[in-house]
Structures are given as C-alpha cells and as structure tokens.
Protein backbone atom coordinates (compact mmCIF):
# COMPACT_ATOMS: atom_id res chain seq x y z
CA MET A 1 -22.32 24.62 -40.78
CA ILE A 2 -23.75 22.84 -37.66
CA PRO A 3 -20.38 21.79 -36.32
CA THR A 4 -19.12 25.41 -37.05
CA LEU A 5 -22.05 26.96 -35.05
CA ARG A 6 -21.45 24.33 -32.23
CA THR A 7 -17.75 25.22 -32.20
CA ARG A 8 -18.35 29.00 -31.91
CA LEU A 9 -21.24 28.51 -29.17
CA ASP A 10 -18.78 26.23 -27.17
CA LYS A 11 -15.89 28.91 -27.53
CA LEU A 12 -18.45 31.64 -26.61
CA ILE A 13 -19.82 29.97 -23.45
CA TRP A 14 -16.62 28.11 -21.95
CA SER A 15 -13.95 30.65 -22.82
CA ASP A 16 -13.43 34.18 -21.26
CA THR A 17 -14.48 36.21 -24.53
CA LEU A 18 -17.53 37.73 -22.92
CA GLU A 19 -15.72 38.59 -19.45
CA GLU A 20 -12.87 40.19 -21.43
CA ARG A 21 -15.26 42.36 -23.68
CA PHE A 22 -17.86 43.26 -21.16
CA GLY A 23 -16.35 42.90 -17.72
CA ILE A 24 -18.47 42.03 -14.79
CA LEU A 25 -21.55 41.96 -16.83
CA GLY A 26 -20.07 39.59 -19.30
CA GLN A 27 -18.78 37.31 -16.68
CA VAL A 28 -22.41 37.19 -15.21
CA VAL A 29 -23.87 36.26 -18.68
CA SER A 30 -21.16 33.70 -19.26
CA VAL A 31 -22.02 31.88 -15.94
CA VAL A 32 -25.76 31.89 -16.74
CA LEU A 33 -25.08 30.67 -20.28
CA ARG A 34 -23.08 27.86 -18.85
CA TYR A 35 -25.75 26.82 -16.45
CA VAL A 36 -28.46 26.99 -19.25
CA PHE A 37 -26.36 25.06 -21.66
CA ALA A 38 -25.77 22.50 -19.14
CA LEU A 39 -29.48 21.97 -18.20
CA VAL A 40 -30.62 22.19 -21.76
CA ARG A 41 -28.06 19.45 -22.71
CA ASP A 42 -29.18 17.17 -19.81
CA VAL A 43 -32.86 17.42 -20.88
CA VAL A 44 -32.14 16.81 -24.45
CA GLN A 45 -30.05 13.72 -23.49
CA GLY A 46 -33.25 12.04 -22.31
CA GLN A 47 -32.51 10.68 -18.83
CA LEU A 48 -34.33 13.57 -16.97
CA THR A 49 -37.46 13.29 -19.13
CA LEU A 50 -37.60 9.33 -18.75
CA ARG A 51 -37.39 9.54 -15.00
CA SER A 52 -40.11 12.27 -15.01
CA MET A 53 -42.42 9.80 -17.00
CA SER A 54 -41.46 6.93 -14.71
CA LEU A 55 -42.45 9.12 -11.59
CA VAL A 56 -45.60 10.14 -13.25
CA TYR A 57 -46.62 6.35 -13.44
CA THR A 58 -45.45 5.86 -9.93
CA THR A 59 -47.66 8.88 -8.75
CA LEU A 60 -50.78 7.69 -10.33
CA LEU A 61 -50.25 4.23 -8.44
CA SER A 62 -49.62 5.88 -5.00
CA VAL A 63 -51.44 9.22 -5.10
CA VAL A 64 -54.37 7.66 -3.22
CA PRO A 65 -52.37 5.68 -0.67
CA LEU A 66 -50.19 8.87 0.12
CA ILE A 67 -53.15 10.99 0.54
CA ALA A 68 -54.85 8.44 2.65
CA PHE A 69 -51.72 8.08 4.69
CA SER A 70 -51.52 11.88 5.26
CA PHE A 71 -55.37 12.15 5.80
CA SER A 72 -54.98 9.51 8.52
CA VAL A 73 -52.04 11.35 10.23
CA LEU A 74 -53.82 14.81 10.03
CA LYS A 75 -57.06 13.35 11.22
CA GLY A 76 -55.16 12.25 14.52
CA PHE A 77 -54.33 16.07 15.10
CA GLY A 78 -57.77 17.06 14.07
CA VAL A 79 -56.75 19.17 11.00
CA HIS A 80 -57.60 16.66 8.23
CA ASN A 81 -59.90 19.07 6.81
CA GLU A 82 -57.18 21.05 5.38
CA LEU A 83 -55.95 18.27 2.96
CA GLU A 84 -58.50 19.12 0.49
CA PRO A 85 -57.58 22.77 -0.13
CA LEU A 86 -54.01 21.99 -0.40
CA LEU A 87 -54.70 19.27 -3.11
CA PHE A 88 -56.78 21.79 -4.82
CA LYS A 89 -54.01 24.37 -4.76
CA LEU A 90 -51.54 21.95 -6.40
CA LEU A 91 -53.98 21.06 -9.15
CA GLU A 92 -55.29 24.56 -9.55
CA PRO A 93 -53.61 25.04 -12.95
CA LEU A 94 -55.93 22.40 -14.35
CA GLY A 95 -58.89 24.65 -13.68
CA GLU A 96 -62.18 23.10 -13.38
CA GLN A 97 -60.60 19.84 -14.02
CA GLY A 98 -58.33 20.17 -10.96
CA ALA A 99 -61.50 20.87 -8.89
CA GLN A 100 -62.99 17.67 -10.29
CA ILE A 101 -59.92 15.38 -9.66
CA THR A 102 -59.64 16.84 -6.12
CA GLN A 103 -63.18 15.92 -5.32
CA GLU A 104 -62.90 12.57 -6.84
CA VAL A 105 -59.45 11.78 -4.97
CA ILE A 106 -60.94 13.16 -1.63
CA ASP A 107 -63.90 10.65 -2.21
CA LEU A 108 -61.48 7.74 -2.62
CA VAL A 109 -59.75 8.73 0.38
CA ASP A 110 -62.89 8.87 2.29
CA ASN A 111 -63.85 5.39 1.28
CA VAL A 112 -60.40 4.08 2.43
CA LYS A 113 -61.39 2.55 5.88
CA GLY A 114 -58.85 0.79 7.98
CA GLY A 115 -61.47 -2.00 8.81
CA VAL A 116 -62.21 -2.50 5.12
CA LEU A 117 -58.72 -2.77 3.90
CA GLY A 118 -57.60 -5.82 5.74
CA GLY A 119 -53.93 -6.75 6.50
CA VAL A 120 -52.80 -7.46 3.00
CA SER A 121 -54.38 -4.53 1.39
CA LEU A 122 -53.03 -2.18 4.26
CA ALA A 123 -49.49 -3.57 3.70
CA PHE A 124 -49.89 -2.75 0.02
CA PHE A 125 -50.96 0.73 0.65
CA ILE A 126 -48.12 1.32 2.97
CA TYR A 127 -45.75 -0.31 0.48
CA THR A 128 -47.11 1.79 -2.58
CA ALA A 129 -46.69 5.06 -0.51
CA VAL A 130 -43.00 4.09 0.60
CA SER A 131 -42.04 3.01 -2.86
CA MET A 132 -43.16 6.35 -4.37
CA VAL A 133 -40.67 8.11 -2.08
CA GLN A 134 -38.06 5.43 -2.95
CA LYS A 135 -38.47 6.34 -6.70
CA VAL A 136 -38.01 9.79 -5.88
CA GLU A 137 -34.79 9.20 -3.93
CA GLU A 138 -33.48 6.88 -6.86
CA SER A 139 -34.10 9.86 -9.23
CA PHE A 140 -32.38 12.37 -7.14
CA ASN A 141 -29.36 9.82 -6.54
CA TYR A 142 -28.96 9.76 -10.40
CA VAL A 143 -28.74 13.41 -10.74
CA TRP A 144 -26.24 13.52 -7.99
CA TYR A 145 -24.20 10.74 -9.09
CA VAL A 146 -24.85 8.46 -6.12
CA ALA A 147 -24.94 4.80 -6.86
CA LYS A 148 -25.73 3.59 -3.50
CA ARG A 149 -28.92 4.25 -1.82
CA ARG A 150 -30.01 4.20 1.87
CA ASN A 151 -29.95 0.77 3.57
CA PHE A 152 -33.33 -0.59 4.19
CA ALA A 153 -33.56 0.14 7.94
CA ARG A 154 -32.71 3.78 7.43
CA ARG A 155 -34.77 4.20 4.28
CA LEU A 156 -37.86 2.85 6.07
CA THR A 157 -37.25 5.08 9.24
CA GLU A 158 -36.60 8.35 7.33
CA TYR A 159 -39.50 7.81 4.84
CA MET A 160 -41.84 7.23 7.60
CA VAL A 161 -40.82 10.32 9.44
CA VAL A 162 -41.26 12.34 6.34
CA MET A 163 -44.64 10.99 5.65
CA LEU A 164 -45.74 11.27 9.23
CA ILE A 165 -44.35 14.82 9.96
CA GLY A 166 -44.54 16.34 6.36
CA PRO A 167 -48.28 16.86 6.07
CA VAL A 168 -48.54 18.08 9.78
CA VAL A 169 -45.75 20.71 9.13
CA ILE A 170 -47.25 22.06 5.93
CA VAL A 171 -50.74 22.19 7.46
CA ILE A 172 -49.42 24.04 10.56
CA ALA A 173 -47.38 26.56 8.39
CA LEU A 174 -50.58 27.36 6.26
CA GLY A 175 -52.36 27.85 9.47
CA LEU A 176 -49.91 30.27 10.95
CA ILE A 177 -50.00 32.28 7.99
CA ALA A 178 -53.71 32.36 7.62
CA SER A 179 -53.75 33.36 11.53
CA LEU A 180 -51.10 36.07 11.09
CA ARG A 181 -53.23 37.53 8.24
CA SER A 182 -56.13 37.88 10.56
CA ASN A 183 -54.02 39.48 13.31
CA THR A 184 -55.09 42.95 14.31
CA ILE A 185 -51.56 44.32 14.22
CA VAL A 186 -51.00 42.69 10.72
CA GLN A 187 -54.39 44.13 9.65
CA PHE A 188 -53.11 47.56 10.67
CA PHE A 189 -50.03 47.34 8.54
CA PHE A 190 -51.98 46.02 5.62
CA THR A 191 -54.31 49.25 5.63
CA SER A 192 -51.29 51.50 6.28
CA GLU A 193 -50.13 53.66 3.29
CA LEU A 194 -46.54 53.18 4.22
CA PHE A 195 -46.44 49.49 4.98
CA GLY A 196 -49.49 48.31 3.04
CA PRO A 197 -47.78 47.77 -0.37
CA VAL A 198 -44.93 45.86 1.33
CA PHE A 199 -47.19 43.48 3.26
CA LEU A 200 -49.42 43.08 0.18
CA ALA A 201 -46.39 42.01 -2.00
CA THR A 202 -45.04 39.74 0.91
CA SER A 203 -48.65 37.91 0.78
CA LYS A 204 -48.58 37.51 -2.78
CA LEU A 205 -44.94 36.07 -2.77
CA MET A 206 -45.76 33.64 -0.03
CA PRO A 207 -47.00 30.83 -1.97
CA TYR A 208 -43.70 31.10 -3.99
CA LEU A 209 -41.65 31.15 -0.91
CA LEU A 210 -43.35 28.05 0.44
CA VAL A 211 -42.57 26.31 -2.87
CA THR A 212 -39.14 27.40 -2.69
CA GLY A 213 -38.84 26.16 0.81
CA VAL A 214 -40.29 22.80 -0.05
CA PHE A 215 -38.02 22.32 -2.97
CA THR A 216 -35.09 23.33 -0.96
CA PHE A 217 -35.90 20.75 1.63
CA VAL A 218 -36.36 18.06 -1.02
CA TYR A 219 -32.94 18.94 -2.58
CA MET A 220 -31.14 18.67 0.66
CA TYR A 221 -33.01 15.53 1.99
CA MET A 222 -33.64 13.13 -0.84
CA PRO A 223 -30.25 12.54 -2.31
CA ASN A 224 -28.14 9.85 -0.39
CA THR A 225 -25.35 12.54 0.01
CA ARG A 226 -24.42 15.75 1.62
CA VAL A 227 -26.12 18.71 0.00
CA ARG A 228 -24.80 22.26 0.84
CA PHE A 229 -27.87 24.42 1.98
CA ARG A 230 -26.64 27.14 -0.55
CA SER A 231 -26.61 24.88 -3.46
CA ALA A 232 -30.16 23.29 -2.46
CA PHE A 233 -31.44 26.97 -2.14
CA VAL A 234 -30.38 28.09 -5.36
CA GLY A 235 -32.05 24.96 -7.00
CA GLY A 236 -35.01 25.65 -4.83
CA ILE A 237 -35.46 29.26 -6.03
CA ALA A 238 -34.96 28.18 -9.63
CA GLY A 239 -37.33 25.38 -9.47
CA GLY A 240 -39.87 27.11 -7.45
CA SER A 241 -39.90 30.10 -9.73
CA PHE A 242 -39.89 27.82 -12.83
CA TRP A 243 -42.81 25.85 -11.32
CA ALA A 244 -44.74 28.98 -10.44
CA THR A 245 -44.33 30.29 -13.99
CA MET A 246 -45.09 27.02 -15.52
CA SER A 247 -48.40 26.91 -13.38
CA VAL A 248 -49.47 30.32 -14.92
CA ILE A 249 -48.63 29.23 -18.33
CA PHE A 250 -50.36 25.77 -18.09
CA ALA A 251 -53.45 27.34 -16.55
CA THR A 252 -53.81 29.67 -19.21
CA PHE A 253 -53.37 27.00 -21.81
CA ILE A 254 -56.08 25.08 -20.18
CA VAL A 255 -58.51 28.03 -20.42
CA TYR A 256 -57.97 28.54 -23.92
CA SER A 257 -57.67 24.89 -25.11
CA SER A 258 -61.24 24.24 -26.00
CA ARG A 259 -60.04 21.98 -29.00
CA THR A 260 -58.54 19.63 -26.36
CA GLN A 261 -61.88 19.01 -25.06
CA LEU A 262 -63.44 18.54 -28.44
CA ILE A 263 -60.69 16.05 -29.51
CA TYR A 264 -60.12 13.96 -26.37
CA SER A 265 -63.48 14.34 -25.04
CA GLY A 266 -63.75 12.41 -21.85
CA PHE A 267 -60.14 11.54 -21.89
CA ALA A 268 -59.23 15.30 -21.62
CA VAL A 269 -59.10 15.25 -17.82
CA ALA A 270 -56.71 12.31 -17.69
CA ILE A 271 -54.43 13.70 -20.55
CA THR A 272 -53.93 17.22 -19.16
CA THR A 273 -53.48 15.68 -15.71
CA LEU A 274 -50.70 13.37 -16.95
CA ILE A 275 -48.89 16.33 -18.72
CA TRP A 276 -49.28 18.54 -15.43
CA LEU A 277 -47.64 15.77 -13.46
CA TYR A 278 -45.02 15.19 -16.04
CA LEU A 279 -43.99 18.88 -15.96
CA ASN A 280 -44.04 19.05 -12.14
CA TRP A 281 -41.59 16.16 -11.77
CA LEU A 282 -39.37 17.48 -14.64
CA ILE A 283 -39.12 20.86 -13.12
CA LEU A 284 -38.25 19.25 -9.84
CA LEU A 285 -35.54 17.20 -11.48
CA ILE A 286 -33.96 20.14 -13.37
CA GLY A 287 -33.88 22.10 -10.18
CA ALA A 288 -32.04 19.21 -8.41
CA GLN A 289 -29.53 19.08 -11.57
CA LEU A 290 -29.08 22.81 -11.18
CA ALA A 291 -28.32 22.36 -7.34
CA PHE A 292 -25.72 19.59 -8.29
CA TYR A 293 -24.06 21.59 -10.81
CA HIS A 294 -23.85 24.70 -8.37
CA GLN A 295 -22.15 22.49 -5.79
CA ASN A 296 -19.83 20.75 -8.39
CA PRO A 297 -19.26 23.28 -11.10
CA ALA A 298 -16.58 21.16 -12.61
CA PHE A 299 -19.34 18.83 -14.06
CA LEU A 300 -21.03 21.97 -16.01
CA ARG A 301 -18.97 21.20 -19.28
CA ILE A 302 -18.40 17.46 -19.23
CA GLY A 303 -21.84 16.71 -18.05
CA ARG A 304 -23.00 13.12 -17.09
CA ARG A 305 -20.08 10.86 -18.41
CA GLU A 306 -19.43 7.52 -16.92
CA PRO A 307 -16.20 7.69 -15.25
CA ARG A 308 -13.29 5.83 -16.73
CA LEU A 309 -10.33 5.44 -14.67
CA SER A 310 -6.75 4.01 -15.68
CA ASN A 311 -5.46 1.00 -13.89
CA ALA A 312 -2.90 3.24 -12.05
CA MET A 313 -5.74 5.42 -10.98
CA ARG A 314 -7.59 2.65 -9.56
CA GLU A 315 -4.69 1.16 -7.53
CA ARG A 316 -3.89 4.51 -6.13
CA LEU A 317 -7.70 4.93 -5.31
CA VAL A 318 -8.03 1.84 -3.61
CA LEU A 319 -4.92 2.18 -1.35
CA ASN A 320 -5.92 5.72 -0.46
CA THR A 321 -9.42 4.61 0.31
CA MET A 322 -8.18 1.91 2.87
CA LEU A 323 -5.64 4.46 4.33
CA LEU A 324 -8.22 7.04 5.12
CA VAL A 325 -10.84 4.52 6.56
CA GLY A 326 -7.84 3.02 8.61
CA ARG A 327 -6.84 6.40 9.80
CA ALA A 328 -10.29 7.41 10.92
CA PHE A 329 -10.65 3.90 12.78
CA ARG A 330 -7.42 4.38 14.53
CA ARG A 331 -8.24 7.80 15.76
CA GLY A 332 -11.38 6.63 17.20
CA ASP A 333 -13.20 9.83 17.33
CA THR A 334 -13.91 10.25 13.69
CA LYS A 335 -16.24 8.50 11.32
CA ILE A 336 -15.86 8.29 7.54
CA SER A 337 -18.58 7.38 4.90
CA ILE A 338 -18.28 7.20 1.07
CA HIS A 339 -19.36 10.83 0.80
CA ASP A 340 -16.40 11.98 3.28
CA LEU A 341 -14.10 9.93 0.89
CA ALA A 342 -15.23 11.54 -2.15
CA ALA A 343 -14.83 15.04 -0.62
CA GLU A 344 -11.40 14.14 0.58
CA LEU A 345 -10.00 12.79 -2.65
CA SER A 346 -12.05 15.25 -4.77
CA ILE A 347 -13.59 12.56 -6.92
CA PRO A 348 -17.37 11.72 -7.48
CA SER A 349 -18.89 9.00 -5.04
CA ILE A 350 -20.17 7.17 -8.12
CA THR A 351 -16.43 6.54 -8.98
CA LEU A 352 -15.87 5.18 -5.51
CA THR A 353 -18.88 2.92 -5.27
CA PRO A 354 -17.49 -0.20 -7.23
CA ILE A 355 -14.11 0.08 -5.42
CA ILE A 356 -15.92 0.11 -2.01
CA ALA A 357 -18.17 -2.73 -3.20
CA GLY A 358 -15.08 -4.89 -4.19
CA LEU A 359 -13.25 -4.09 -0.84
CA GLU A 360 -16.38 -5.17 0.97
CA SER A 361 -17.05 -8.30 -1.10
CA GLU A 362 -13.38 -9.30 -0.12
CA GLY A 363 -13.89 -8.56 3.64
CA LEU A 364 -11.39 -5.75 3.75
CA LEU A 365 -14.19 -3.14 4.63
CA THR A 366 -17.54 -3.20 6.22
CA SER A 367 -20.15 -0.59 6.74
CA THR A 368 -22.25 0.27 9.81
CA GLU A 369 -26.03 0.85 9.94
CA GLN A 370 -25.25 4.54 9.56
CA GLU A 371 -23.05 3.88 6.26
CA ASP A 372 -19.74 4.72 7.99
CA LEU A 373 -16.89 2.58 6.82
CA LEU A 374 -14.66 0.42 8.95
CA PRO A 375 -11.97 -1.90 8.25
CA GLY A 376 -13.23 -5.61 7.64
CA ARG A 377 -10.82 -7.10 9.96
CA GLU A 378 -7.67 -6.39 12.21
CA MET A 379 -5.53 -3.87 10.11
CA SER A 380 -2.36 -5.92 10.84
CA ARG A 381 -4.01 -8.61 9.05
CA ILE A 382 -4.85 -6.72 5.81
CA LEU A 383 -2.06 -7.13 3.25
CA LEU A 384 -1.73 -4.13 0.80
CA ASP A 385 -1.17 -6.95 -1.80
CA ASP A 386 -4.85 -8.13 -1.12
CA VAL A 387 -5.93 -4.55 -1.39
CA ILE A 388 -4.39 -3.88 -4.69
CA ALA A 389 -5.68 -7.37 -5.90
CA VAL A 390 -9.26 -5.90 -5.64
CA VAL A 391 -8.48 -3.55 -8.68
CA ARG A 392 -5.96 -5.80 -10.43
CA ASP A 393 -7.18 -9.18 -10.20
CA LYS A 394 -10.82 -8.84 -9.36
CA GLY A 395 -14.01 -7.15 -10.69
CA GLU A 396 -14.19 -8.61 -14.17
CA THR A 397 -17.87 -9.42 -14.98
CA GLY A 398 -16.63 -12.86 -16.21
CA SER A 399 -16.61 -14.71 -19.58
CA TYR A 400 -17.84 -18.22 -20.70
CA ARG A 401 -14.34 -19.23 -21.13
CA ASP A 402 -10.88 -18.27 -20.16
CA PRO A 403 -9.07 -16.02 -22.55
CA GLU A 404 -6.49 -17.78 -24.82
CA TRP A 405 -3.35 -15.63 -24.01
CA ALA A 406 -0.06 -16.05 -26.01
CA ASP A 407 2.63 -17.45 -24.07
CA GLU A 408 4.67 -14.48 -24.02
CA ILE A 409 1.91 -12.35 -22.68
CA THR A 410 1.21 -14.99 -19.93
CA LEU A 411 4.67 -14.77 -18.98
CA LEU A 412 4.85 -11.11 -19.03
CA GLY A 413 1.76 -10.76 -16.91
CA GLU A 414 3.08 -12.96 -14.43
CA GLN A 415 6.07 -10.89 -14.27
CA LEU A 416 4.14 -7.81 -13.70
CA ASP A 417 2.06 -9.35 -10.90
CA ALA A 418 5.37 -10.49 -9.20
CA ALA A 419 6.74 -6.81 -9.59
CA VAL A 420 3.84 -5.61 -7.59
CA SER A 421 3.87 -8.22 -5.07
CA SER A 422 7.43 -7.63 -4.54
CA THR A 423 7.08 -3.91 -4.30
CA VAL A 424 4.44 -4.07 -1.42
CA GLY A 425 6.10 -7.21 0.06
CA GLU A 426 4.39 -8.04 3.30
CA GLN A 427 3.25 -4.62 4.16
CA THR A 428 -0.11 -4.46 5.97
CA LEU A 429 -2.50 -1.34 6.36
CA ALA A 430 -1.06 -1.09 9.75
CA ASP A 431 2.57 -0.67 8.60
CA LEU A 432 1.29 1.95 6.11
CA LEU A 433 -0.60 3.95 8.80
CA ASP A 434 2.55 3.65 10.98
CA LYS A 435 4.57 5.23 8.10
CA THR A 436 2.02 8.21 7.76
CA GLU A 437 2.32 9.02 11.46
CA GLN A 438 5.90 9.02 11.71
C-alpha cells in the first residue's frame, strides 16, 4: 500500500495533472507542493537536523564571546546599552526564562574585562567567535552544494567585518525606527483616521520585516557562492515568517507547559533554551534550502544526491574547464571562478570541485586570493594529454597493493591509453584556444 501511495503522490506532484484539471490555480498548487515535498524530504533525511544540533552546541560555546565582542564594538559608539533589549527580544518566546537568561548573559559579558582576560584568553574568545561564523558558513555551503569554503585570509577579513559592522547596523536601524515613531509628522499619521490603520499595521509588521531582511542578508552573504537576491529574498520571507510563527507557538507552549517545570525542575530553563536554539537554526537552514531550490529548481525532484559522472563526462569536463580558464586568461579583462564555471557549464560547483583540485595538484591550475582561476603555467606548455590524465590516470584514493589485472586486460588498457594519447597528440591548451578563435 505504501509504495502505491508513494507512486500516486509522486505522480500528483511532479506531473501536470493538477495544472490540466484546474488551470493556473492547479499550477500554483503544484509548485507549492513540490517545494513543500522537497523541504520535508530534506528534513526527514536528517542532515539539516544534525547540522542544526551542531550549531546549537557551537552557539552555547560562543554566545558569550560573540556578545562580548558586539558589546565592546557598540561601547565604542556609545550605544552598548541597546544590546540587552536586542537579546531579550530574541529570547522573548521563552517568557520569564528568556528574561532570566538575558540578565545572566549580560552579567557574564560585564564581567569580561580586557585586562582580566590576558592574551591567551582573548585569543580564545576571538577564535570562538570566528569559529561560530565559520560553522554557519559550512552549513550554508552544504545546503548550496559548495565543497570549497573561503580561504583563510578572506574568511578572517569578512567575518571580522560582519562582527564589527553587524551589531552597529542593527542598533542604528532600530534607533531610526524608534526615532521615526516619535516624530511629530509620523504621530500625526498615526492619529489620522485615514492613514492610522496603515501605519499601525506597518509598525506591527516591522519586526517581521527586520527578520526577513536579516535572513535575506545571511542567505546572500554566508554561502561561498553567488546567490541571487530574488532567491535569497524568497528564502528570507519564508524563513522570517516561519520564525515569527514558531516564536508565537513556542511562547504559547512555554506559558502552558507547567508540567515541564515540574518534571525537569531546575533543568527546565536549559532544556527549553536548547529546544529554542535548535528550532531557530533549523528554520534558518530550511529557509536557505528553499532559497537554493528557488535558484536551482532542477534539484527539487532529485534532492541531494552525490554527483556521479561517467568517464566520458569527466574527460569533457576537465578539457572544457581548462578551455574556459585559458580563454579568460588570454582575454585579460575577465576573471573566472569555480562558480562562473558552474554557471557556464550548467553543472553544480560541487561536481567541479574534485576536478579543480586535481588540476591544481598537478600544477595545471592555480587560484588567486580572490579565488579566481588561472593557468598553472604557460599555456603552450600545458599538454591536453596531461589535462585528460587528471581524470583518467589520477584521483584514485589508493589501495594497499596494485590490482592483479589479467594480461589481456592490461594489454587492452594500454591500447586505450595509447589511442587517447594519439588523438590529442602533442596538442597544448594554447593550440586548442587557437582553434576556437579561428
């Protein structure tokens, strides 16, 4: 019965049945069902939940260093007193426990003095704060099929920029909103019978708009790939709305969960906090997954499957990669990265990563600090035979002894290798580029 139901559900979602029966409405319902099905499938598979749990653990280790870092930055601008209301707003669904946790964290931050920490402890604090952002990036890279993370220099620079500027921008935005509400003109519109309901609704929606904006920024910035604004915005709206809804549900649950207090006693605060952190991270990753599917709808049905390429596909891929890199280098006015290659070849970057790594290990490719790809040496000295050898003769994980081939297979393999070598002959990457430009 279950296989039959699964087959019918699969046909209903992925076929044009709904569109043929109900027209535009059926098409909209079909699209929504596809996204819902894909997201539920990914959550059930467990990777998103596992990464959410990992981020909860990392959050517990780094929450004090992160807030202490933000506190010191805000203190330099004289707005450090705004930190406590922000933290309380985040933990508001926990009710009285949220206020208690906020006060305890702020007390811990107040006790963190630069002179008391010392060099080693200060370095540990900075490392813990940076590692938190790094863990988030790794989770988003997983969602976006990105196997290569930012290099160390770029990672450190961008992380520090976010940690320095992020708290200031949030506090300034909240301050502007507060000042606008107290403005005489705005108060006039608030009391107006015509514009009052509109302004009141806007003020009620402002927290959700801020959350959506933060989610959209995170979805665009954190993955080590190019994310279109439209896709990030779709994920931000869904993630922000889901987060706001979950906050209300969780707050209601906390109010009426007197049994939790009785069963867990003093541990109730810790347990509810862990659950709330887990739900926050899970919602953030689900929104990121939605943004990925919006930008790459071809993955909706197949989901997260490890790419498996035939030998013929890998040979064409490695040659085309070198061709595009060589062409960009010869033009001189263009740069190309692994993400540009993925877009040009219409293939996920995670599929290209091992091939790029193989080319780099053989000295055929090199990458700059900005992760742009360049030929590893003079293109007239890059033989196409060496390029093909990266996917034909190299890349095995290795074995403890050489396989015992049959004599006939050894001979046939040598003939195949000779045939490939004779086909490309002494052609170089420069020769290939000359042919394409003719």
